[in-house]
């Protein structure tokens, strides 16, 4: 899944929401995240945050583009 907020303020808000406020050495630009779904303790948290990203950000994007929400998931 690829997602890039429209400005640095929104990108910082996403990083804060995902609890990724610590700098990452040699990180790429844009930031690439590995979501560790195989770790049981993190699965629910990651799943909830991806669902929130889908329901809020992707829904708004689909509306802006005039396409069904399911087309950009």
PDB file of N, CA and C in Angstrom:
ATOM      1  N   UNK A   1       0.850  -1.159   0.000  1.00  0.00           N
ATOM      2  CA  UNK A   1       0.000   0.000   0.000  1.00  0.00           C
ATOM      3  C   UNK A   1       0.902   1.230   0.000  1.00  0.00           C
ATOM      4  N   UNK A   2       0.644   2.147  -0.888  1.00  0.00           N
ATOM      5  CA  UNK A   2       1.419   3.374  -0.956  1.00  0.00           C
ATOM      6  C   UNK A   2       0.526   4.545  -0.592  1.00  0.00           C
ATOM      7  N   UNK A   3       1.035   5.404   0.269  1.00  0.00           N
ATOM      8  CA  UNK A   3       0.270   6.583   0.679  1.00  0.00           C
ATOM      9  C   UNK A   3       1.258   7.693   0.985  1.00  0.00           C
ATOM     10  N   UNK A   4       0.988   8.865   0.476  1.00  0.00           N
ATOM     11  CA  UNK A   4       1.829  10.029   0.763  1.00  0.00           C
ATOM     12  C   UNK A   4       0.919  11.207   1.043  1.00  0.00           C
ATOM     13  N   UNK A   5       0.914  11.722   2.279  1.00  0.00           N
ATOM     14  CA  UNK A   5       0.101  12.898   2.591  1.00  0.00           C
ATOM     15  C   UNK A   5       0.500  14.079   1.719  1.00  0.00           C
ATOM     16  N   UNK A   6      -0.428  15.031   1.565  1.00  0.00           N
ATOM     17  CA  UNK A   6      -0.200  16.150   0.658  1.00  0.00           C
ATOM     18  C   UNK A   6       0.805  17.174   1.157  1.00  0.00           C
ATOM     19  N   UNK A   7       1.078  17.216   2.476  1.00  0.00           N
ATOM     20  CA  UNK A   7       2.070  18.170   2.979  1.00  0.00           C
ATOM     21  C   UNK A   7       2.742  17.613   4.228  1.00  0.00           C
ATOM     22  N   UNK A   8       3.822  18.275   4.646  1.00  0.00           N
ATOM     23  CA  UNK A   8       4.628  17.777   5.765  1.00  0.00           C
ATOM     24  C   UNK A   8       3.825  17.742   7.058  1.00  0.00           C
ATOM     25  N   UNK A   9       2.920  18.693   7.258  1.00  0.00           N
ATOM     26  CA  UNK A   9       2.108  18.718   8.482  1.00  0.00           C
ATOM     27  C   UNK A   9       1.243  17.466   8.571  1.00  0.00           C
ATOM     28  N   UNK A  10       0.619  17.100   7.461  1.00  0.00           N
ATOM     29  CA  UNK A  10      -0.224  15.899   7.455  1.00  0.00           C
ATOM     30  C   UNK A  10       0.632  14.637   7.565  1.00  0.00           C
ATOM     31  N   UNK A  11       1.806  14.668   6.945  1.00  0.00           N
ATOM     32  CA  UNK A  11       2.701  13.510   7.062  1.00  0.00           C
ATOM     33  C   UNK A  11       3.130  13.321   8.514  1.00  0.00           C
ATOM     34  N   UNK A  12       3.455  14.403   9.198  1.00  0.00           N
ATOM     35  CA  UNK A  12       3.836  14.315  10.606  1.00  0.00           C
ATOM     36  C   UNK A  12       2.671  13.802  11.453  1.00  0.00           C
ATOM     37  N   UNK A  13       1.453  14.196  11.123  1.00  0.00           N
ATOM     38  CA  UNK A  13       0.272  13.720  11.856  1.00  0.00           C
ATOM     39  C   UNK A  13       0.097  12.206  11.679  1.00  0.00           C
ATOM     40  N   UNK A  14       0.331  11.711  10.457  1.00  0.00           N
ATOM     41  CA  UNK A  14       0.233  10.273  10.208  1.00  0.00           C
ATOM     42  C   UNK A  14       1.312   9.534  10.990  1.00  0.00           C
ATOM     43  N   UNK A  15       2.542  10.039  10.955  1.00  0.00           N
ATOM     44  CA  UNK A  15       3.631   9.398  11.699  1.00  0.00           C
ATOM     45  C   UNK A  15       3.341   9.391  13.197  1.00  0.00           C
ATOM     46  N   UNK A  16       2.784  10.478  13.703  1.00  0.00           N
ATOM     47  CA  UNK A  16       2.434  10.539  15.124  1.00  0.00           C
ATOM     48  C   UNK A  16       1.332   9.529  15.452  1.00  0.00           C
ATOM     49  N   UNK A  17       0.313   9.438  14.586  1.00  0.00           N
ATOM     50  CA  UNK A  17      -0.784   8.498  14.806  1.00  0.00           C
ATOM     51  C   UNK A  17      -0.297   7.053  14.794  1.00  0.00           C
ATOM     52  N   UNK A  18       0.704   6.780  13.971  1.00  0.00           N
ATOM     53  CA  UNK A  18       1.277   5.430  13.896  1.00  0.00           C
ATOM     54  C   UNK A  18       2.366   5.207  14.938  1.00  0.00           C
ATOM     55  N   UNK A  19       2.584   6.214  15.782  1.00  0.00           N
ATOM     56  CA  UNK A  19       3.595   6.159  16.840  1.00  0.00           C
ATOM     57  C   UNK A  19       4.990   5.920  16.264  1.00  0.00           C
ATOM     58  N   UNK A  20       5.309   6.655  15.202  1.00  0.00           N
ATOM     59  CA  UNK A  20       6.609   6.554  14.532  1.00  0.00           C
ATOM     60  C   UNK A  20       7.344   7.888  14.636  1.00  0.00           C
ATOM     61  N   UNK A  21       7.444   8.408  15.834  1.00  0.00           N
ATOM     62  CA  UNK A  21       8.027   9.733  16.016  1.00  0.00           C
ATOM     63  C   UNK A  21       9.541   9.702  16.164  1.00  0.00           C
ATOM     64  N   UNK A  22      10.129   8.522  16.341  1.00  0.00           N
ATOM     65  CA  UNK A  22      11.583   8.412  16.441  1.00  0.00           C
ATOM     66  C   UNK A  22      12.198   8.420  15.041  1.00  0.00           C
ATOM     67  N   UNK A  23      13.252   9.220  14.828  1.00  0.00           N
ATOM     68  CA  UNK A  23      13.905   9.226  13.501  1.00  0.00           C
ATOM     69  C   UNK A  23      14.462   7.838  13.162  1.00  0.00           C
ATOM     70  N   UNK A  24      14.432   7.525  11.897  1.00  0.00           N
ATOM     71  CA  UNK A  24      14.957   6.257  11.401  1.00  0.00           C
ATOM     72  C   UNK A  24      16.212   6.559  10.596  1.00  0.00           C
ATOM     73  N   UNK A  25      17.305   5.921  10.950  1.00  0.00           N
ATOM     74  CA  UNK A  25      18.568   6.148  10.243  1.00  0.00           C
ATOM     75  C   UNK A  25      18.431   5.741   8.780  1.00  0.00           C
ATOM     76  N   UNK A  26      18.906   6.579   7.883  1.00  0.00           N
ATOM     77  CA  UNK A  26      18.906   6.297   6.440  1.00  0.00           C
ATOM     78  C   UNK A  26      17.517   5.985   5.892  1.00  0.00           C
ATOM     79  N   UNK A  27      16.490   6.652   6.414  1.00  0.00           N
ATOM     80  CA  UNK A  27      15.146   6.375   5.924  1.00  0.00           C
ATOM     81  C   UNK A  27      14.961   6.906   4.512  1.00  0.00           C
ATOM     82  N   UNK A  28      14.066   6.278   3.796  1.00  0.00           N
ATOM     83  CA  UNK A  28      13.784   6.707   2.430  1.00  0.00           C
ATOM     84  C   UNK A  28      12.842   7.900   2.456  1.00  0.00           C
ATOM     85  N   UNK A  29      12.723   8.552   1.324  1.00  0.00           N
ATOM     86  CA  UNK A  29      11.798   9.661   1.191  1.00  0.00           C
ATOM     87  C   UNK A  29      10.968   9.410  -0.063  1.00  0.00           C
ATOM     88  N   UNK A  30       9.705   9.078   0.030  1.00  0.00           N
ATOM     89  CA  UNK A  30       8.892   9.050   1.238  1.00  0.00           C
ATOM     90  C   UNK A  30       9.231   7.856   2.119  1.00  0.00           C
ATOM     91  N   UNK A  31       8.845   7.979   3.375  1.00  0.00           N
ATOM     92  CA  UNK A  31       9.080   6.932   4.357  1.00  0.00           C
ATOM     93  C   UNK A  31       8.373   5.648   3.937  1.00  0.00           C
ATOM     94  N   UNK A  32       9.069   4.533   4.002  1.00  0.00           N
ATOM     95  CA  UNK A  32       8.502   3.235   3.689  1.00  0.00           C
ATOM     96  C   UNK A  32       8.401   2.462   5.000  1.00  0.00           C
ATOM     97  N   UNK A  33       7.229   1.916   5.269  1.00  0.00           N
ATOM     98  CA  UNK A  33       7.000   1.184   6.507  1.00  0.00           C
ATOM     99  C   UNK A  33       6.814  -0.298   6.226  1.00  0.00           C
ATOM    100  N   UNK A  34       7.391  -1.124   7.076  1.00  0.00           N
ATOM    101  CA  UNK A  34       7.135  -2.562   7.036  1.00  0.00           C
ATOM    102  C   UNK A  34       6.143  -2.853   8.149  1.00  0.00           C
ATOM    103  N   UNK A  35       4.957  -3.301   7.796  1.00  0.00           N
ATOM    104  CA  UNK A  35       3.933  -3.611   8.782  1.00  0.00           C
ATOM    105  C   UNK A  35       4.055  -5.084   9.159  1.00  0.00           C
ATOM    106  N   UNK A  36       4.383  -5.336  10.405  1.00  0.00           N
ATOM    107  CA  UNK A  36       4.687  -6.693  10.870  1.00  0.00           C
ATOM    108  C   UNK A  36       3.415  -7.407  11.319  1.00  0.00           C
ATOM    109  N   UNK A  37       2.618  -7.833  10.367  1.00  0.00           N
ATOM    110  CA  UNK A  37       1.350  -8.485  10.674  1.00  0.00           C
ATOM    111  C   UNK A  37       1.538  -9.845  11.344  1.00  0.00           C
ATOM    112  N   UNK A  38       2.702 -10.442  11.233  1.00  0.00           N
ATOM    113  CA  UNK A  38       2.924 -11.756  11.827  1.00  0.00           C
ATOM    114  C   UNK A  38       3.123 -11.661  13.342  1.00  0.00           C
ATOM    115  N   UNK A  39       3.349 -10.473  13.887  1.00  0.00           N
ATOM    116  CA  UNK A  39       3.494 -10.310  15.332  1.00  0.00           C
ATOM    117  C   UNK A  39       2.116 -10.110  15.947  1.00  0.00           C
ATOM    118  N   UNK A  40       1.693 -11.077  16.730  1.00  0.00           N
ATOM    119  CA  UNK A  40       0.335 -11.048  17.268  1.00  0.00           C
ATOM    120  C   UNK A  40       0.055  -9.794  18.088  1.00  0.00           C
ATOM    121  N   UNK A  41       1.028  -9.350  18.887  1.00  0.00           N
ATOM    122  CA  UNK A  41       0.797  -8.193  19.760  1.00  0.00           C
ATOM    123  C   UNK A  41       0.590  -6.900  18.971  1.00  0.00           C
ATOM    124  N   UNK A  42       1.135  -6.822  17.772  1.00  0.00           N
ATOM    125  CA  UNK A  42       0.985  -5.611  16.980  1.00  0.00           C
ATOM    126  C   UNK A  42      -0.095  -5.683  15.919  1.00  0.00           C
ATOM    127  N   UNK A  43      -0.587  -6.879  15.659  1.00  0.00           N
ATOM    128  CA  UNK A  43      -1.532  -7.054  14.557  1.00  0.00           C
ATOM    129  C   UNK A  43      -2.793  -6.211  14.727  1.00  0.00           C
ATOM    130  N   UNK A  44      -3.411  -6.260  15.908  1.00  0.00           N
ATOM    131  CA  UNK A  44      -4.662  -5.536  16.138  1.00  0.00           C
ATOM    132  C   UNK A  44      -4.442  -4.032  15.998  1.00  0.00           C
ATOM    133  N   UNK A  45      -3.364  -3.526  16.566  1.00  0.00           N
ATOM    134  CA  UNK A  45      -3.065  -2.095  16.486  1.00  0.00           C
ATOM    135  C   UNK A  45      -2.851  -1.663  15.036  1.00  0.00           C
ATOM    136  N   UNK A  46      -2.050  -2.406  14.299  1.00  0.00           N
ATOM    137  CA  UNK A  46      -1.786  -2.080  12.893  1.00  0.00           C
ATOM    138  C   UNK A  46      -3.069  -2.182  12.078  1.00  0.00           C
ATOM    139  N   UNK A  47      -3.829  -3.238  12.320  1.00  0.00           N
ATOM    140  CA  UNK A  47      -5.074  -3.434  11.588  1.00  0.00           C
ATOM    141  C   UNK A  47      -6.039  -2.276  11.811  1.00  0.00           C
ATOM    142  N   UNK A  48      -6.165  -1.834  13.066  1.00  0.00           N
ATOM    143  CA  UNK A  48      -7.049  -0.711  13.372  1.00  0.00           C
ATOM    144  C   UNK A  48      -6.584   0.569  12.687  1.00  0.00           C
ATOM    145  N   UNK A  49      -5.289   0.799  12.650  1.00  0.00           N
ATOM    146  CA  UNK A  49      -4.776   2.022  12.051  1.00  0.00           C
ATOM    147  C   UNK A  49      -4.892   1.998  10.528  1.00  0.00           C
ATOM    148  N   UNK A  50      -4.682   0.846   9.913  1.00  0.00           N
ATOM    149  CA  UNK A  50      -4.864   0.740   8.465  1.00  0.00           C
ATOM    150  C   UNK A  50      -6.342   0.935   8.118  1.00  0.00           C
ATOM    151  N   UNK A  51      -7.251   0.382   8.935  1.00  0.00           N
ATOM    152  CA  UNK A  51      -8.683   0.568   8.702  1.00  0.00           C
ATOM    153  C   UNK A  51      -9.048   2.041   8.806  1.00  0.00           C
ATOM    154  N   UNK A  52      -8.481   2.732   9.780  1.00  0.00           N
ATOM    155  CA  UNK A  52      -8.752   4.165   9.942  1.00  0.00           C
ATOM    156  C   UNK A  52      -8.231   4.939   8.726  1.00  0.00           C
ATOM    157  N   UNK A  53      -7.041   4.604   8.264  1.00  0.00           N
ATOM    158  CA  UNK A  53      -6.473   5.243   7.080  1.00  0.00           C
ATOM    159  C   UNK A  53      -7.395   5.032   5.881  1.00  0.00           C
ATOM    160  N   UNK A  54      -7.893   3.810   5.736  1.00  0.00           N
ATOM    161  CA  UNK A  54      -8.809   3.502   4.636  1.00  0.00           C
ATOM    162  C   UNK A  54     -10.110   4.281   4.760  1.00  0.00           C
ATOM    163  N   UNK A  55     -10.708   4.266   5.940  1.00  0.00           N
ATOM    164  CA  UNK A  55     -12.022   4.877   6.132  1.00  0.00           C
ATOM    165  C   UNK A  55     -11.988   6.394   6.028  1.00  0.00           C
ATOM    166  N   UNK A  56     -10.911   7.019   6.447  1.00  0.00           N
ATOM    167  CA  UNK A  56     -10.853   8.481   6.427  1.00  0.00           C
ATOM    168  C   UNK A  56     -10.124   8.997   5.194  1.00  0.00           C
ATOM    169  N   UNK A  57      -8.871   8.612   5.042  1.00  0.00           N
ATOM    170  CA  UNK A  57      -8.049   9.180   3.966  1.00  0.00           C
ATOM    171  C   UNK A  57      -8.450   8.658   2.589  1.00  0.00           C
ATOM    172  N   UNK A  58      -8.571   7.342   2.472  1.00  0.00           N
ATOM    173  CA  UNK A  58      -8.885   6.780   1.161  1.00  0.00           C
ATOM    174  C   UNK A  58     -10.309   7.107   0.742  1.00  0.00           C
ATOM    175  N   UNK A  59     -11.227   7.189   1.703  1.00  0.00           N
ATOM    176  CA  UNK A  59     -12.602   7.570   1.372  1.00  0.00           C
ATOM    177  C   UNK A  59     -12.632   8.993   0.829  1.00  0.00           C
ATOM    178  N   UNK A  60     -11.887   9.889   1.466  1.00  0.00           N
ATOM    179  CA  UNK A  60     -11.814  11.280   1.000  1.00  0.00           C
ATOM    180  C   UNK A  60     -11.162  11.345  -0.379  1.00  0.00           C
ATOM    181  N   UNK A  61     -10.112  10.552  -0.585  1.00  0.00           N
ATOM    182  CA  UNK A  61      -9.435  10.521  -1.882  1.00  0.00           C
ATOM    183  C   UNK A  61     -10.379  10.007  -2.972  1.00  0.00           C
ATOM    184  N   UNK A  62     -11.112   8.941  -2.676  1.00  0.00           N
ATOM    185  CA  UNK A  62     -12.051   8.391  -3.654  1.00  0.00           C
ATOM    186  C   UNK A  62     -13.116   9.424  -4.014  1.00  0.00           C
ATOM    187  N   UNK A  63     -13.611  10.129  -3.009  1.00  0.00           N
ATOM    188  CA  UNK A  63     -14.612  11.162  -3.248  1.00  0.00           C
ATOM    189  C   UNK A  63     -14.035  12.274  -4.126  1.00  0.00           C
ATOM    190  N   UNK A  64     -12.823  12.691  -3.831  1.00  0.00           N
ATOM    191  CA  UNK A  64     -12.157  13.746  -4.607  1.00  0.00           C
ATOM    192  C   UNK A  64     -11.967  13.324  -6.061  1.00  0.00           C
ATOM    193  N   UNK A  65     -11.576  12.061  -6.267  1.00  0.00           N
ATOM    194  CA  UNK A  65     -11.338  11.554  -7.626  1.00  0.00           C
ATOM    195  C   UNK A  65     -12.628  11.160  -8.345  1.00  0.00           C
ATOM    196  N   UNK A  66     -13.713  11.018  -7.578  1.00  0.00           N
ATOM    197  CA  UNK A  66     -14.983  10.626  -8.176  1.00  0.00           C
ATOM    198  C   UNK A  66     -15.025   9.167  -8.579  1.00  0.00           C
ATOM    199  N   UNK A  67     -14.337   8.323  -7.815  1.00  0.00           N
ATOM    200  CA  UNK A  67     -14.339   6.883  -8.088  1.00  0.00           C
ATOM    201  C   UNK A  67     -14.891   6.153  -6.868  1.00  0.00           C
ATOM    202  N   UNK A  68     -15.415   4.937  -7.055  1.00  0.00           N
ATOM    203  CA  UNK A  68     -15.885   4.165  -5.904  1.00  0.00           C
ATOM    204  C   UNK A  68     -14.732   3.906  -4.934  1.00  0.00           C
ATOM    205  N   UNK A  69     -15.028   3.957  -3.665  1.00  0.00           N
ATOM    206  CA  UNK A  69     -14.015   3.760  -2.612  1.00  0.00           C
ATOM    207  C   UNK A  69     -13.237   2.456  -2.814  1.00  0.00           C
ATOM    208  N   UNK A  70     -13.934   1.399  -3.154  1.00  0.00           N
ATOM    209  CA  UNK A  70     -13.285   0.093  -3.331  1.00  0.00           C
ATOM    210  C   UNK A  70     -12.254   0.057  -4.461  1.00  0.00           C
ATOM    211  N   UNK A  71     -12.285   1.009  -5.371  1.00  0.00           N
ATOM    212  CA  UNK A  71     -11.338   1.017  -6.493  1.00  0.00           C
ATOM    213  C   UNK A  71      -9.941   1.455  -6.082  1.00  0.00           C
ATOM    214  N   UNK A  72      -9.808   2.153  -4.941  1.00  0.00           N
ATOM    215  CA  UNK A  72      -8.477   2.626  -4.555  1.00  0.00           C
ATOM    216  C   UNK A  72      -7.953   1.946  -3.293  1.00  0.00           C
ATOM    217  N   UNK A  73      -8.622   0.914  -2.843  1.00  0.00           N
ATOM    218  CA  UNK A  73      -8.164   0.208  -1.640  1.00  0.00           C
ATOM    219  C   UNK A  73      -6.964  -0.619  -1.961  1.00  0.00           C
TER     220      UNK A  73
END
